[in-house]
Amino acid sequence: GVEMGFRFFSECQGKGYAIESATALKEYVKDVLRAKTLKSRCVKQNVRSRNLIEKLGLKQVKEDDFYYYFAKEL
C-alpha cells in the first residue's frame, strides 16, 4: 500500500489545491502503481484534513491519543 500525506502553506489553504492534488495522487496510486491500499492519518485537531481524507473515500480504521488512521482498498 501507499501512505498519503499533505501540507500546504496557510496562503494556499482553502483554494482547492489539497483535493485536486490528493485526487490525482489517489488515481496515480491505483492506476500506475497498482497499489492495493491507500492509507493516511491526521492529528485529531485537524478537522479540515480529516474531511479531505474522508471525501477521498478513506475510512477510519483506528485511532490513538494523537492521530486518526484511515485506509481504502483500491
Foldseek 3Di string as FASTA:
>chain_A
DEEDDDDDDPVPPPPCPVLVVVLVVVCCCCPPVVDFKYKYKDFPVPPVVVVSCVVSPWDFDDADPTMTITMDTD
